[in-house]
N, C-alpha and C. Protein backbone atom coordinates (compact mmCIF):
# COMPACT_ATOMS: atom_id res chain seq x y z
N UNK A 1 41.21 46.37 26.54
CA UNK A 1 40.38 45.19 26.41
C UNK A 1 40.84 44.34 25.23
N UNK A 2 41.23 44.97 24.15
CA UNK A 2 41.60 44.23 22.95
C UNK A 2 43.01 43.65 23.05
N UNK A 3 43.92 44.39 23.66
CA UNK A 3 45.31 43.92 23.75
C UNK A 3 45.44 42.66 24.60
N UNK A 4 44.80 42.56 25.77
CA UNK A 4 44.89 41.29 26.52
C UNK A 4 44.32 40.10 25.75
N UNK A 5 43.27 40.35 24.97
CA UNK A 5 42.70 39.26 24.18
C UNK A 5 43.70 38.78 23.13
N UNK A 6 44.36 39.72 22.44
CA UNK A 6 45.37 39.34 21.46
C UNK A 6 46.55 38.65 22.11
N UNK A 7 46.93 39.10 23.29
CA UNK A 7 48.04 38.48 24.00
C UNK A 7 47.71 37.05 24.38
N UNK A 8 46.49 36.81 24.81
CA UNK A 8 46.08 35.45 25.16
C UNK A 8 46.01 34.56 23.93
N UNK A 9 45.51 35.10 22.83
CA UNK A 9 45.46 34.32 21.58
C UNK A 9 46.86 33.97 21.10
N UNK A 10 47.78 34.91 21.20
CA UNK A 10 49.15 34.66 20.77
C UNK A 10 49.78 33.58 21.64
N UNK A 11 49.54 33.62 22.93
CA UNK A 11 50.06 32.59 23.82
C UNK A 11 49.50 31.22 23.49
N UNK A 12 48.21 31.18 23.19
CA UNK A 12 47.61 29.90 22.82
C UNK A 12 48.19 29.37 21.52
N UNK A 13 48.49 30.25 20.60
CA UNK A 13 49.09 29.81 19.33
C UNK A 13 50.49 29.24 19.55
N UNK A 14 51.23 29.83 20.48
CA UNK A 14 52.57 29.31 20.77
C UNK A 14 52.49 27.90 21.35
N UNK A 15 51.57 27.69 22.24
CA UNK A 15 51.42 26.37 22.84
C UNK A 15 50.95 25.37 21.79
N UNK A 16 50.04 25.79 20.92
CA UNK A 16 49.56 24.90 19.87
C UNK A 16 50.69 24.54 18.90
N UNK A 17 51.52 25.49 18.55
CA UNK A 17 52.64 25.21 17.66
C UNK A 17 53.65 24.27 18.32
N UNK A 18 53.89 24.47 19.60
CA UNK A 18 54.81 23.58 20.32
C UNK A 18 54.25 22.17 20.40
N UNK A 19 52.94 22.05 20.65
CA UNK A 19 52.31 20.73 20.73
C UNK A 19 52.33 20.04 19.38
N UNK A 20 52.08 20.78 18.32
CA UNK A 20 52.13 20.20 16.98
C UNK A 20 53.54 19.74 16.63
N UNK A 21 54.52 20.55 16.96
CA UNK A 21 55.91 20.16 16.69
C UNK A 21 56.32 18.94 17.50
N UNK A 22 55.90 18.87 18.74
CA UNK A 22 56.21 17.71 19.57
C UNK A 22 55.53 16.46 19.04
N UNK A 23 54.29 16.59 18.59
CA UNK A 23 53.57 15.43 18.06
C UNK A 23 54.24 14.91 16.79
N UNK A 24 54.66 15.81 15.93
CA UNK A 24 55.37 15.38 14.72
C UNK A 24 56.70 14.74 15.08
N UNK A 25 57.40 15.33 16.04
CA UNK A 25 58.68 14.77 16.47
C UNK A 25 58.54 13.38 17.06
N UNK A 26 57.53 13.18 17.90
CA UNK A 26 57.32 11.86 18.50
C UNK A 26 56.96 10.84 17.43
N UNK A 27 56.17 11.25 16.46
CA UNK A 27 55.84 10.35 15.36
C UNK A 27 57.05 9.94 14.55
N UNK A 28 57.91 10.90 14.27
CA UNK A 28 59.14 10.59 13.52
C UNK A 28 60.08 9.70 14.33
N UNK A 29 60.16 9.95 15.63
CA UNK A 29 61.00 9.11 16.49
C UNK A 29 60.50 7.67 16.49
N UNK A 30 59.19 7.50 16.63
CA UNK A 30 58.63 6.16 16.61
C UNK A 30 58.84 5.47 15.28
N UNK A 31 58.68 6.21 14.20
CA UNK A 31 58.86 5.64 12.87
C UNK A 31 60.29 5.17 12.67
N UNK A 32 61.23 6.00 13.01
CA UNK A 32 62.63 5.65 12.79
C UNK A 32 63.10 4.56 13.76
N UNK A 33 62.56 4.56 14.98
CA UNK A 33 62.93 3.51 15.93
C UNK A 33 62.43 2.16 15.46
N UNK A 34 61.19 2.11 14.98
CA UNK A 34 60.69 0.82 14.49
C UNK A 34 61.42 0.38 13.24
N UNK A 35 61.82 1.31 12.41
CA UNK A 35 62.61 0.98 11.22
C UNK A 35 63.98 0.44 11.62
N UNK A 36 64.58 1.05 12.64
CA UNK A 36 65.89 0.60 13.10
C UNK A 36 65.82 -0.79 13.72
N UNK A 37 64.77 -1.07 14.48
CA UNK A 37 64.61 -2.40 15.07
C UNK A 37 64.34 -3.43 13.98
N UNK A 38 63.63 -3.04 12.94
CA UNK A 38 63.41 -3.95 11.82
C UNK A 38 64.69 -4.30 11.10
N UNK A 39 65.62 -3.35 11.03
CA UNK A 39 66.90 -3.62 10.37
C UNK A 39 67.84 -4.43 11.26
N UNK A 40 67.79 -4.18 12.57
CA UNK A 40 68.71 -4.85 13.48
C UNK A 40 67.96 -5.22 14.76
N UNK A 41 67.28 -6.36 14.78
CA UNK A 41 66.49 -6.74 15.96
C UNK A 41 67.32 -6.95 17.22
N UNK A 42 68.58 -7.25 17.08
CA UNK A 42 69.43 -7.46 18.24
C UNK A 42 69.69 -6.20 19.04
N UNK A 43 69.51 -5.05 18.41
CA UNK A 43 69.76 -3.77 19.07
C UNK A 43 68.46 -3.13 19.55
N UNK A 44 67.44 -3.94 19.79
CA UNK A 44 66.13 -3.38 20.15
C UNK A 44 66.17 -2.61 21.47
N UNK A 45 66.88 -3.15 22.47
CA UNK A 45 66.89 -2.48 23.77
C UNK A 45 67.58 -1.12 23.74
N UNK A 46 68.79 -1.00 23.16
CA UNK A 46 69.38 0.35 23.09
C UNK A 46 68.56 1.32 22.24
N UNK A 47 67.94 0.81 21.19
CA UNK A 47 67.11 1.69 20.36
C UNK A 47 65.90 2.16 21.15
N UNK A 48 65.30 1.27 21.93
CA UNK A 48 64.15 1.64 22.75
C UNK A 48 64.52 2.71 23.77
N UNK A 49 65.67 2.55 24.39
CA UNK A 49 66.12 3.53 25.38
C UNK A 49 66.30 4.90 24.73
N UNK A 50 66.96 4.93 23.57
CA UNK A 50 67.16 6.20 22.87
C UNK A 50 65.83 6.81 22.42
N UNK A 51 64.91 5.96 21.98
CA UNK A 51 63.62 6.47 21.53
C UNK A 51 62.83 7.06 22.70
N UNK A 52 62.87 6.42 23.85
CA UNK A 52 62.15 6.93 25.02
C UNK A 52 62.75 8.27 25.47
N UNK A 53 64.06 8.35 25.51
CA UNK A 53 64.70 9.62 25.90
C UNK A 53 64.38 10.73 24.91
N UNK A 54 64.45 10.43 23.63
CA UNK A 54 64.16 11.44 22.62
C UNK A 54 62.70 11.89 22.69
N UNK A 55 61.80 10.96 22.94
CA UNK A 55 60.39 11.30 23.07
C UNK A 55 60.16 12.20 24.28
N UNK A 56 60.82 11.90 25.38
CA UNK A 56 60.67 12.74 26.58
C UNK A 56 61.18 14.16 26.32
N UNK A 57 62.30 14.28 25.62
CA UNK A 57 62.83 15.61 25.32
C UNK A 57 61.91 16.37 24.36
N UNK A 58 61.34 15.67 23.39
CA UNK A 58 60.43 16.32 22.44
C UNK A 58 59.17 16.79 23.15
N UNK A 59 58.65 16.00 24.07
CA UNK A 59 57.45 16.41 24.79
C UNK A 59 57.74 17.48 25.84
N UNK A 60 58.96 17.55 26.30
CA UNK A 60 59.34 18.57 27.27
C UNK A 60 59.20 19.98 26.73
N UNK A 61 59.31 20.13 25.42
CA UNK A 61 59.17 21.44 24.80
C UNK A 61 57.78 22.01 25.06
N UNK A 62 56.78 21.15 25.06
CA UNK A 62 55.40 21.62 25.29
C UNK A 62 55.27 22.17 26.71
N UNK A 63 55.89 21.50 27.66
CA UNK A 63 55.80 21.98 29.04
C UNK A 63 56.49 23.33 29.20
N UNK A 64 57.61 23.54 28.52
CA UNK A 64 58.25 24.85 28.55
C UNK A 64 57.34 25.90 27.93
N UNK A 65 56.68 25.57 26.83
CA UNK A 65 55.79 26.54 26.17
C UNK A 65 54.62 26.88 27.09
N UNK A 66 54.05 25.89 27.75
CA UNK A 66 52.93 26.16 28.66
C UNK A 66 53.40 27.00 29.85
N UNK A 67 54.56 26.69 30.37
CA UNK A 67 55.07 27.42 31.53
C UNK A 67 55.39 28.88 31.19
N UNK A 68 55.96 29.10 30.02
CA UNK A 68 56.35 30.46 29.65
C UNK A 68 55.15 31.32 29.29
N UNK A 69 54.05 30.71 28.87
CA UNK A 69 52.88 31.50 28.50
C UNK A 69 52.15 32.00 29.73
N UNK A 70 52.09 31.18 30.77
CA UNK A 70 51.33 31.56 31.97
C UNK A 70 52.00 32.64 32.76
């Protein structure tokens, strides 16, 4: 009875850590992308593309964590 409860708590902690890491990563990506566009407005489109791809990869980690826990 106690071991399944600990296993479920550990799984939830892994997902929470992955979500926190992804949220921090997305925030840093947005911060640096806006800083880069501020420095070079002509490169806004390539910077936006790179930021969107990086954000998708950072958020993908959460889906792997959820999938591996279940």
